[in-house]
Amino acid sequence: MRVLLSHTQADFHSSRGLEELSDFSCVAGDALNNPNSYNFGENHTSIKFFGATTTSNGLVVLAPHAANCVGTFNPTTNVFVCVDISSTIDVGHKFHGATTAKNGLVVFAPFAANCVGVFDPSTSVFNCVDIPSTICTASNSIHSLQFTHPTTASNGLIVFTPYNADCVGTFDPTTSTFRCVDISSTVDSDHKFNGATVAGNGLIVFAPYNADCVGTFDPTTSTFRCVHISSTVDSDYKFNGATTTHNGLVVFAPDFADCVGIFDPTTSAFRCVDISSTMGVGWKFSGATTASNGVAVFAPWNADCVGHFDSTTNVFSCVNISSTLEFDYKFNGATTTSDGLVVFAPWNADCVGTLTMHSTGCAAYIAEKATLQAEIASLRAENAQCAADKIQPQTGTIRLTIV
């Protein structure tokens, strides 16, 4: 594996003050730690869920991967319930990611399943809409791992991220119509993309995994493009998860890449902010969401911390959670609730991860830092003038307090 580090150096913060920007908790452990509570499948101790979405009624719905039930989590009461779906589908590696459609239904991307999962959070009714069992995949494909990370386009279509499939999947949740837009002439490798988000201009942006390009898809015209990035980062398993931040930039969660990926959907410019001095582990994060304060948050996979990245300042921090959880393959997927709580989908973890973001956030910290730097510069200028006038220079202490 090779990474070309022709990218920006991140500004790192690991002080106690920055750690206090958020509080991590692991909840609903009583239900998730008991294999007799729900039908988590044969691998009930691991690979339970893959992906999370916040619904219109406030519930967080977790996409079943090996679990034979759809997970639901109430972020207000911390109550977890799992709705059994084994009579409809019981294969392993069923779905990979979840999104809430405009009509309120939750849609799961078919990974090994040959159907699109559809769940009604108001009635807890699940059904699976059959799709073609012969979706074209790369010639060297050894698994039928078709799509990941669904996202809801501005026109209401659900767009599935091509993983091994040689097409972009689309699904109309009102008519249950599935289509696949061929992209094999542009990219036809396995493990292409792993993450998707809707940009401000309506494009769907796919996070590059093994593909050496950022994928973009126009859901209105079904046009697919690939913006090459191999001159900046060249490795396998680059990023896992994508989110659109408040300034319109798309942020990719680093998996094996030693940098946070940044993509501008209006200019197609890509850059990578180096984090290698802080994070050296592989399989770092899996899933990304934008918190209410505009910071991109990365779900901890093998990393023993929750990643935070401010795309306006290039500030990266990682909030340590090893005192709560210290094992690999913790969470897979993240979502932000209407009240600002960040929720992580449990993969190997026997709890639902939650992150409470403090109102100050990185942006406030950076703003205060900039103000203090300006004050320091002003004092230096005054002292220089005092020295020139032979007046006793001013002295003083500036304190930075994070609340």
Protein backbone atom coordinates (compact mmCIF):
# COMPACT_ATOMS: atom_id res chain seq x y z
CA MET A 1 0.00 0.00 0.00
CA ARG A 2 1.35 3.44 -0.94
CA VAL A 3 0.13 6.87 0.01
CA LEU A 4 1.41 9.96 -1.78
CA LEU A 5 1.53 12.76 0.76
CA SER A 6 1.16 15.75 -1.50
CA HIS A 7 -1.48 17.30 0.69
CA THR A 8 -2.14 19.80 3.41
CA GLN A 9 -0.91 19.32 6.97
CA ALA A 10 -3.72 19.29 9.51
CA ASP A 11 -3.75 21.46 12.59
CA PHE A 12 -4.04 18.97 15.46
CA HIS A 13 -5.52 19.51 18.89
CA SER A 14 -5.33 16.89 21.62
CA SER A 15 -5.58 19.09 24.71
CA ARG A 16 -8.13 18.53 27.44
CA GLY A 17 -10.00 21.59 26.21
CA LEU A 18 -10.61 20.15 22.78
CA GLU A 19 -11.58 16.77 24.19
CA GLU A 20 -14.36 18.56 26.04
CA LEU A 21 -15.97 19.49 22.74
CA SER A 22 -17.98 16.26 22.92
CA ASP A 23 -18.98 13.48 25.31
CA PHE A 24 -19.10 9.85 24.19
CA SER A 25 -21.44 7.27 25.72
CA CYS A 26 -22.30 3.64 25.06
CA VAL A 27 -25.97 2.92 25.73
CA ALA A 28 -28.61 0.18 25.35
CA GLY A 29 -26.04 -2.43 26.33
CA ASP A 30 -28.53 -4.57 28.26
CA ALA A 31 -30.41 -5.41 25.07
CA LEU A 32 -27.45 -5.60 22.69
CA ASN A 33 -25.28 -7.64 25.04
CA ASN A 34 -27.91 -10.37 25.39
CA PRO A 35 -28.08 -12.67 22.33
CA ASN A 36 -31.40 -14.02 23.60
CA SER A 37 -33.02 -10.58 23.48
CA TYR A 38 -33.26 -10.42 19.71
CA ASN A 39 -32.43 -12.43 16.61
CA PHE A 40 -28.94 -11.16 15.86
CA GLY A 41 -28.18 -14.19 13.69
CA GLU A 42 -25.39 -16.74 13.97
CA ASN A 43 -22.77 -14.02 14.47
CA HIS A 44 -24.68 -12.33 17.27
CA THR A 45 -21.47 -11.15 18.93
CA SER A 46 -20.31 -9.20 15.87
CA ILE A 47 -21.24 -7.67 12.51
CA LYS A 48 -24.72 -6.78 13.69
CA PHE A 49 -25.53 -3.54 11.84
CA PHE A 50 -24.01 -1.52 9.04
CA GLY A 51 -25.35 2.01 8.70
CA ALA A 52 -27.75 4.32 10.49
CA THR A 53 -30.32 6.97 9.55
CA THR A 54 -32.53 9.39 11.46
CA THR A 55 -36.22 9.12 10.59
CA SER A 56 -38.92 11.78 10.47
CA ASN A 57 -40.39 10.53 13.77
CA GLY A 58 -37.02 10.92 15.52
CA LEU A 59 -36.03 7.25 15.69
CA VAL A 60 -32.62 6.08 14.54
CA VAL A 61 -32.88 2.98 12.32
CA LEU A 62 -29.93 0.60 11.98
CA ALA A 63 -29.40 -1.43 8.80
CA PRO A 64 -29.17 -5.18 9.46
CA HIS A 65 -25.96 -6.77 8.20
CA ALA A 66 -25.68 -10.17 9.90
CA ALA A 67 -28.48 -9.38 12.34
CA ASN A 68 -31.83 -10.89 11.42
CA CYS A 69 -33.66 -7.83 12.68
CA VAL A 70 -33.92 -4.12 11.93
CA GLY A 71 -32.51 -2.11 14.80
CA THR A 72 -34.38 0.93 16.12
CA PHE A 73 -33.03 3.31 18.73
CA ASN A 74 -34.87 6.10 20.52
CA PRO A 75 -32.26 8.80 21.23
CA THR A 76 -34.51 10.46 23.81
CA THR A 77 -35.04 7.39 26.00
CA ASN A 78 -32.01 5.27 24.91
CA VAL A 79 -34.41 2.39 24.25
CA PHE A 80 -33.26 -0.14 21.65
CA VAL A 81 -35.69 -2.48 19.87
CA CYS A 82 -34.95 -4.94 17.06
CA VAL A 83 -37.72 -5.94 14.65
CA ASP A 84 -37.34 -9.54 13.46
CA ILE A 85 -37.15 -9.96 9.65
CA SER A 86 -35.91 -13.57 9.47
CA SER A 87 -39.13 -14.77 7.84
CA THR A 88 -38.41 -12.43 4.92
CA ILE A 89 -34.62 -12.62 4.62
CA ASP A 90 -31.97 -14.38 6.67
CA VAL A 91 -28.80 -14.31 4.57
CA GLY A 92 -25.58 -12.89 5.96
CA HIS A 93 -24.20 -9.50 4.90
CA LYS A 94 -27.70 -8.43 3.88
CA PHE A 95 -27.55 -4.66 3.69
CA HIS A 96 -24.89 -1.98 3.82
CA GLY A 97 -26.21 1.42 4.84
CA ALA A 98 -29.54 3.15 5.40
CA THR A 99 -31.24 6.36 4.29
CA THR A 100 -34.60 7.99 4.99
CA ALA A 101 -36.72 8.59 1.91
CA LYS A 102 -38.83 11.71 1.43
CA ASN A 103 -41.99 9.67 2.11
CA GLY A 104 -40.61 8.63 5.51
CA LEU A 105 -39.65 5.06 4.60
CA VAL A 106 -36.16 3.79 5.43
CA VAL A 107 -34.30 2.14 2.56
CA PHE A 108 -31.38 -0.27 2.94
CA ALA A 109 -28.75 -0.79 0.22
CA PRO A 110 -28.53 -4.42 -0.99
CA PHE A 111 -25.05 -5.77 -0.26
CA ALA A 112 -25.40 -9.58 -0.48
CA ALA A 113 -29.20 -9.44 -0.52
CA ASN A 114 -30.95 -9.65 -3.89
CA CYS A 115 -33.57 -7.17 -2.76
CA VAL A 116 -33.85 -3.60 -1.57
CA GLY A 117 -34.82 -3.45 2.07
CA VAL A 118 -37.69 -1.11 2.95
CA PHE A 119 -38.75 -0.40 6.53
CA ASP A 120 -41.62 1.74 7.78
CA PRO A 121 -40.54 3.24 11.14
CA SER A 122 -44.10 4.24 12.02
CA THR A 123 -45.49 0.70 11.72
CA SER A 124 -42.30 -1.43 12.00
CA VAL A 125 -43.30 -3.22 8.78
CA PHE A 126 -40.40 -4.55 6.67
CA ASN A 127 -40.42 -5.80 3.11
CA CYS A 128 -37.79 -6.58 0.52
CA VAL A 129 -38.21 -5.49 -3.12
CA ASP A 130 -36.60 -7.97 -5.50
CA ILE A 131 -33.91 -6.72 -7.88
CA PRO A 132 -32.13 -8.59 -10.72
CA SER A 133 -29.96 -11.39 -9.35
CA THR A 134 -27.41 -10.97 -12.15
CA ILE A 135 -26.27 -7.37 -11.63
CA CYS A 136 -23.00 -7.04 -13.49
CA THR A 137 -19.89 -6.97 -11.31
CA ALA A 138 -16.21 -6.79 -12.11
CA SER A 139 -14.77 -9.88 -13.79
CA ASN A 140 -12.58 -10.70 -10.80
CA SER A 141 -15.40 -10.37 -8.30
CA ILE A 142 -15.64 -13.24 -5.81
CA HIS A 143 -18.64 -11.94 -3.86
CA SER A 144 -21.99 -10.50 -4.84
CA LEU A 145 -21.36 -7.48 -2.65
CA GLN A 146 -23.23 -5.05 -4.82
CA PHE A 147 -23.96 -1.69 -3.21
CA THR A 148 -23.22 0.33 -0.09
CA HIS A 149 -24.25 3.63 1.50
CA PRO A 150 -27.60 4.69 0.04
CA THR A 151 -28.47 8.37 -0.01
CA THR A 152 -31.64 10.29 -0.80
CA ALA A 153 -31.31 12.59 -3.81
CA SER A 154 -33.03 15.97 -4.02
CA ASN A 155 -35.50 14.54 -6.57
CA GLY A 156 -36.54 11.79 -4.15
CA LEU A 157 -34.64 8.92 -5.77
CA ILE A 158 -32.56 6.64 -3.56
CA VAL A 159 -29.06 6.26 -4.97
CA PHE A 160 -26.92 3.22 -4.09
CA THR A 161 -23.13 3.48 -4.04
CA PRO A 162 -21.48 0.97 -6.44
CA TYR A 163 -19.15 -1.33 -4.51
CA ASN A 164 -18.67 -4.39 -6.73
CA ALA A 165 -21.59 -3.57 -9.01
CA ASP A 166 -20.61 -2.00 -12.33
CA CYS A 167 -23.56 0.36 -12.14
CA VAL A 168 -25.05 3.04 -9.92
CA GLY A 169 -28.26 1.73 -8.40
CA THR A 170 -31.36 3.90 -8.16
CA PHE A 171 -34.62 3.12 -6.39
CA ASP A 172 -37.90 5.02 -6.42
CA PRO A 173 -39.47 4.48 -2.97
CA THR A 174 -42.91 5.57 -4.17
CA THR A 175 -43.12 3.04 -7.03
CA SER A 176 -40.55 0.47 -5.80
CA THR A 177 -38.80 0.75 -9.19
CA PHE A 178 -35.13 -0.24 -9.33
CA ARG A 179 -32.69 0.78 -12.09
CA CYS A 180 -28.97 0.36 -12.59
CA VAL A 181 -26.97 2.93 -14.59
CA ASP A 182 -23.96 1.27 -16.20
CA ILE A 183 -20.56 2.83 -15.35
CA SER A 184 -18.29 -0.02 -16.51
CA SER A 185 -16.73 2.08 -19.27
CA THR A 186 -15.47 4.53 -16.62
CA VAL A 187 -14.57 2.32 -13.66
CA ASP A 188 -14.97 -1.45 -13.41
CA SER A 189 -12.82 -2.60 -10.49
CA ASP A 190 -14.09 -4.22 -7.30
CA HIS A 191 -14.51 -2.27 -4.06
CA LYS A 192 -14.95 0.97 -5.98
CA PHE A 193 -16.61 3.35 -3.54
CA ASN A 194 -17.60 3.25 0.11
CA GLY A 195 -19.65 6.23 1.17
CA ALA A 196 -22.01 8.76 -0.39
CA THR A 197 -23.52 12.14 0.31
CA VAL A 198 -25.73 14.70 -1.44
CA ALA A 199 -23.81 17.85 -2.31
CA GLY A 200 -25.38 21.31 -2.24
CA ASN A 201 -25.63 21.34 -6.05
CA GLY A 202 -27.62 18.08 -6.03
CA LEU A 203 -24.78 15.81 -7.16
CA ILE A 204 -24.28 12.51 -5.35
CA VAL A 205 -20.62 12.21 -4.34
CA PHE A 206 -19.09 8.76 -3.79
CA ALA A 207 -16.12 8.26 -1.46
CA PRO A 208 -13.24 6.47 -3.25
CA TYR A 209 -12.34 3.13 -1.67
CA ASN A 210 -10.20 1.22 -4.17
CA ALA A 211 -11.17 3.46 -7.09
CA ASP A 212 -8.56 6.11 -7.84
CA CYS A 213 -11.22 8.74 -8.39
CA VAL A 214 -14.04 10.53 -6.64
CA GLY A 215 -17.33 9.44 -8.18
CA THR A 216 -20.11 11.92 -8.92
CA PHE A 217 -23.61 11.08 -10.11
CA ASP A 218 -26.33 13.43 -11.31
CA PRO A 219 -29.66 11.79 -10.31
CA THR A 220 -31.59 14.00 -12.74
CA THR A 221 -29.61 13.11 -15.87
CA SER A 222 -28.11 9.79 -14.68
CA THR A 223 -24.68 11.14 -15.63
CA PHE A 224 -21.66 9.59 -13.88
CA ARG A 225 -18.18 11.11 -13.70
CA CYS A 226 -14.96 10.09 -12.01
CA VAL A 227 -12.52 12.79 -10.82
CA HIS A 228 -9.06 11.24 -10.62
CA ILE A 229 -7.10 11.72 -7.40
CA SER A 230 -4.18 9.28 -7.79
CA SER A 231 -1.66 12.12 -7.85
CA THR A 232 -2.76 13.05 -4.32
CA VAL A 233 -3.57 9.74 -2.62
CA ASP A 234 -2.83 6.33 -4.10
CA SER A 235 -3.80 3.38 -1.91
CA ASP A 236 -6.47 0.77 -1.46
CA TYR A 237 -9.22 1.15 1.12
CA LYS A 238 -8.80 4.93 1.13
CA PHE A 239 -11.99 6.30 2.66
CA ASN A 240 -15.10 4.88 4.30
CA GLY A 241 -17.90 7.37 4.66
CA ALA A 242 -18.79 10.79 3.26
CA THR A 243 -20.64 13.83 4.55
CA THR A 244 -21.47 17.31 3.28
CA THR A 245 -20.42 20.01 5.72
CA HIS A 246 -22.04 23.40 6.30
CA ASN A 247 -19.60 25.19 3.97
CA GLY A 248 -20.56 22.90 1.07
CA LEU A 249 -17.39 20.82 1.04
CA VAL A 250 -17.61 17.02 1.04
CA VAL A 251 -15.47 15.30 3.67
CA PHE A 252 -14.32 11.67 3.41
CA ALA A 253 -13.61 9.61 6.55
CA PRO A 254 -10.11 8.06 6.34
CA ASP A 255 -9.93 4.28 6.44
CA PHE A 256 -6.40 3.33 5.33
CA ALA A 257 -5.62 6.78 3.93
CA ASP A 258 -3.44 8.85 6.25
CA CYS A 259 -5.40 11.97 5.44
CA VAL A 260 -8.93 13.38 5.54
CA GLY A 261 -10.29 13.73 2.02
CA ILE A 262 -11.87 17.04 0.97
CA PHE A 263 -13.82 17.44 -2.28
CA ASP A 264 -15.36 20.61 -3.66
CA PRO A 265 -18.42 19.54 -5.70
CA THR A 266 -18.63 22.89 -7.51
CA THR A 267 -15.03 22.90 -8.80
CA SER A 268 -14.22 19.15 -8.60
CA ALA A 269 -11.07 20.07 -6.67
CA PHE A 270 -9.74 17.41 -4.31
CA ARG A 271 -7.24 17.71 -1.50
CA CYS A 272 -6.18 15.54 1.41
CA VAL A 273 -5.36 16.87 4.89
CA ASP A 274 -2.55 14.84 6.44
CA ILE A 275 -3.26 13.25 9.84
CA SER A 276 -0.42 10.70 9.87
CA SER A 277 1.27 12.22 12.91
CA THR A 278 -1.85 11.54 14.96
CA MET A 279 -3.45 8.46 13.36
CA GLY A 280 -1.25 5.66 12.04
CA VAL A 281 -3.62 2.72 12.37
CA GLY A 282 -5.42 1.14 9.41
CA TRP A 283 -9.18 0.65 9.33
CA LYS A 284 -9.50 3.90 11.25
CA PHE A 285 -13.09 5.04 10.74
CA SER A 286 -16.25 3.72 9.12
CA GLY A 287 -18.97 6.26 8.53
CA ALA A 288 -19.26 10.04 8.66
CA THR A 289 -21.89 12.61 9.59
CA THR A 290 -21.98 16.37 10.04
CA ALA A 291 -22.75 17.48 13.57
CA SER A 292 -25.01 20.42 14.34
CA ASN A 293 -21.96 22.68 14.86
CA GLY A 294 -20.69 21.92 11.34
CA VAL A 295 -17.89 19.57 12.37
CA ALA A 296 -17.54 16.29 10.45
CA VAL A 297 -17.64 13.33 12.85
CA PHE A 298 -16.12 9.92 11.99
CA ALA A 299 -17.40 6.66 13.49
CA PRO A 300 -14.60 4.71 15.23
CA TRP A 301 -13.88 1.38 13.50
CA ASN A 302 -10.48 0.26 14.79
CA ALA A 303 -9.51 3.71 16.04
CA ASP A 304 -9.84 4.11 19.80
CA CYS A 305 -11.24 7.59 19.35
CA VAL A 306 -14.02 9.49 17.61
CA GLY A 307 -12.69 11.62 14.77
CA HIS A 308 -13.59 15.32 14.49
CA PHE A 309 -12.70 17.46 11.49
CA ASP A 310 -13.45 21.12 10.82
CA SER A 311 -13.30 21.66 7.05
CA THR A 312 -13.11 25.44 7.40
CA THR A 313 -9.92 25.36 9.48
CA ASN A 314 -8.37 21.95 8.65
CA VAL A 315 -8.44 21.13 12.37
CA PHE A 316 -8.51 17.39 13.11
CA SER A 317 -8.90 15.93 16.59
CA CYS A 318 -9.65 12.48 17.93
CA VAL A 319 -11.58 12.17 21.18
CA ASN A 320 -10.33 9.15 23.10
CA ILE A 321 -12.94 6.51 24.00
CA SER A 322 -10.61 3.70 25.12
CA SER A 323 -11.82 3.93 28.70
CA THR A 324 -15.29 2.96 27.43
CA LEU A 325 -14.47 0.62 24.52
CA GLU A 326 -11.15 -0.92 23.62
CA PHE A 327 -11.50 -3.48 20.84
CA ASP A 328 -11.62 -3.49 17.04
CA TYR A 329 -14.54 -3.17 14.62
CA LYS A 330 -16.66 -1.12 16.99
CA PHE A 331 -19.13 0.87 14.87
CA ASN A 332 -20.14 1.05 11.24
CA GLY A 333 -22.17 4.10 10.28
CA ALA A 334 -23.18 7.40 11.85
CA THR A 335 -26.15 9.77 11.83
CA THR A 336 -27.05 13.07 13.47
CA THR A 337 -30.46 13.33 15.13
CA SER A 338 -32.72 16.38 15.01
CA ASP A 339 -31.55 17.49 18.46
CA GLY A 340 -27.87 17.24 17.48
CA LEU A 341 -26.96 13.88 19.02
CA VAL A 342 -24.55 11.80 16.92
CA VAL A 343 -25.40 8.07 16.91
CA PHE A 344 -23.10 5.23 15.82
CA ALA A 345 -24.37 1.86 14.52
CA PRO A 346 -22.92 -1.08 16.48
CA TRP A 347 -21.00 -3.66 14.47
CA ASN A 348 -18.92 -5.50 17.06
CA ALA A 349 -19.85 -3.20 19.93
CA ASP A 350 -22.58 -4.45 22.27
CA CYS A 351 -24.02 -0.98 22.65
CA VAL A 352 -25.21 1.98 20.61
CA GLY A 353 -22.59 4.72 20.52
CA THR A 354 -23.72 8.29 21.13
CA LEU A 355 -21.81 11.56 21.00
CA THR A 356 -23.10 14.76 22.57
CA MET A 357 -21.56 17.78 20.88
CA HIS A 358 -20.97 20.84 23.04
CA SER A 359 -22.28 24.11 21.72
CA THR A 360 -18.85 25.73 21.53
CA GLY A 361 -17.46 23.34 18.92
CA CYS A 362 -14.19 23.57 17.04
CA ALA A 363 -15.32 26.66 15.18
CA ALA A 364 -15.75 28.62 18.41
CA TYR A 365 -12.40 27.39 19.68
CA ILE A 366 -10.69 28.49 16.50
CA ALA A 367 -12.49 31.84 16.51
CA GLU A 368 -11.37 32.51 20.09
CA LYS A 369 -7.86 31.41 19.21
CA ALA A 370 -7.80 33.82 16.27
CA THR A 371 -9.04 36.65 18.50
CA LEU A 372 -6.30 35.96 21.04
CA GLN A 373 -3.67 35.79 18.33
CA ALA A 374 -4.84 39.20 17.11
CA GLU A 375 -4.57 40.55 20.66
CA ILE A 376 -1.06 39.16 20.96
CA ALA A 377 -0.07 40.77 17.68
CA SER A 378 -1.52 44.08 18.88
CA LEU A 379 0.41 43.89 22.15
CA ARG A 380 3.62 43.15 20.29
CA ALA A 381 3.05 46.15 18.05
CA GLU A 382 2.37 48.40 21.05
CA ASN A 383 5.46 47.09 22.83
CA ALA A 384 7.55 47.76 19.76
CA GLN A 385 6.22 51.32 19.70
CA CYS A 386 6.86 51.68 23.42
CA ALA A 387 10.44 50.53 22.94
CA ALA A 388 10.88 53.08 20.20
CA ASP A 389 9.49 55.80 22.50
CA LYS A 390 11.50 54.45 25.47
CA ILE A 391 8.30 53.75 27.43
CA GLN A 392 7.97 50.73 29.73
CA PRO A 393 6.40 47.99 27.54
CA GLN A 394 3.07 46.46 28.45
CA THR A 395 2.91 42.98 29.87
CA GLY A 396 0.02 40.72 30.55
CA THR A 397 -1.36 37.21 30.57
CA ILE A 398 -3.93 35.88 28.14
CA ARG A 399 -5.86 32.82 29.16
CA LEU A 400 -7.85 30.57 26.82
CA THR A 401 -10.74 28.79 28.45
CA ILE A 402 -12.82 26.17 26.64
CA VAL A 403 -16.31 25.71 28.00
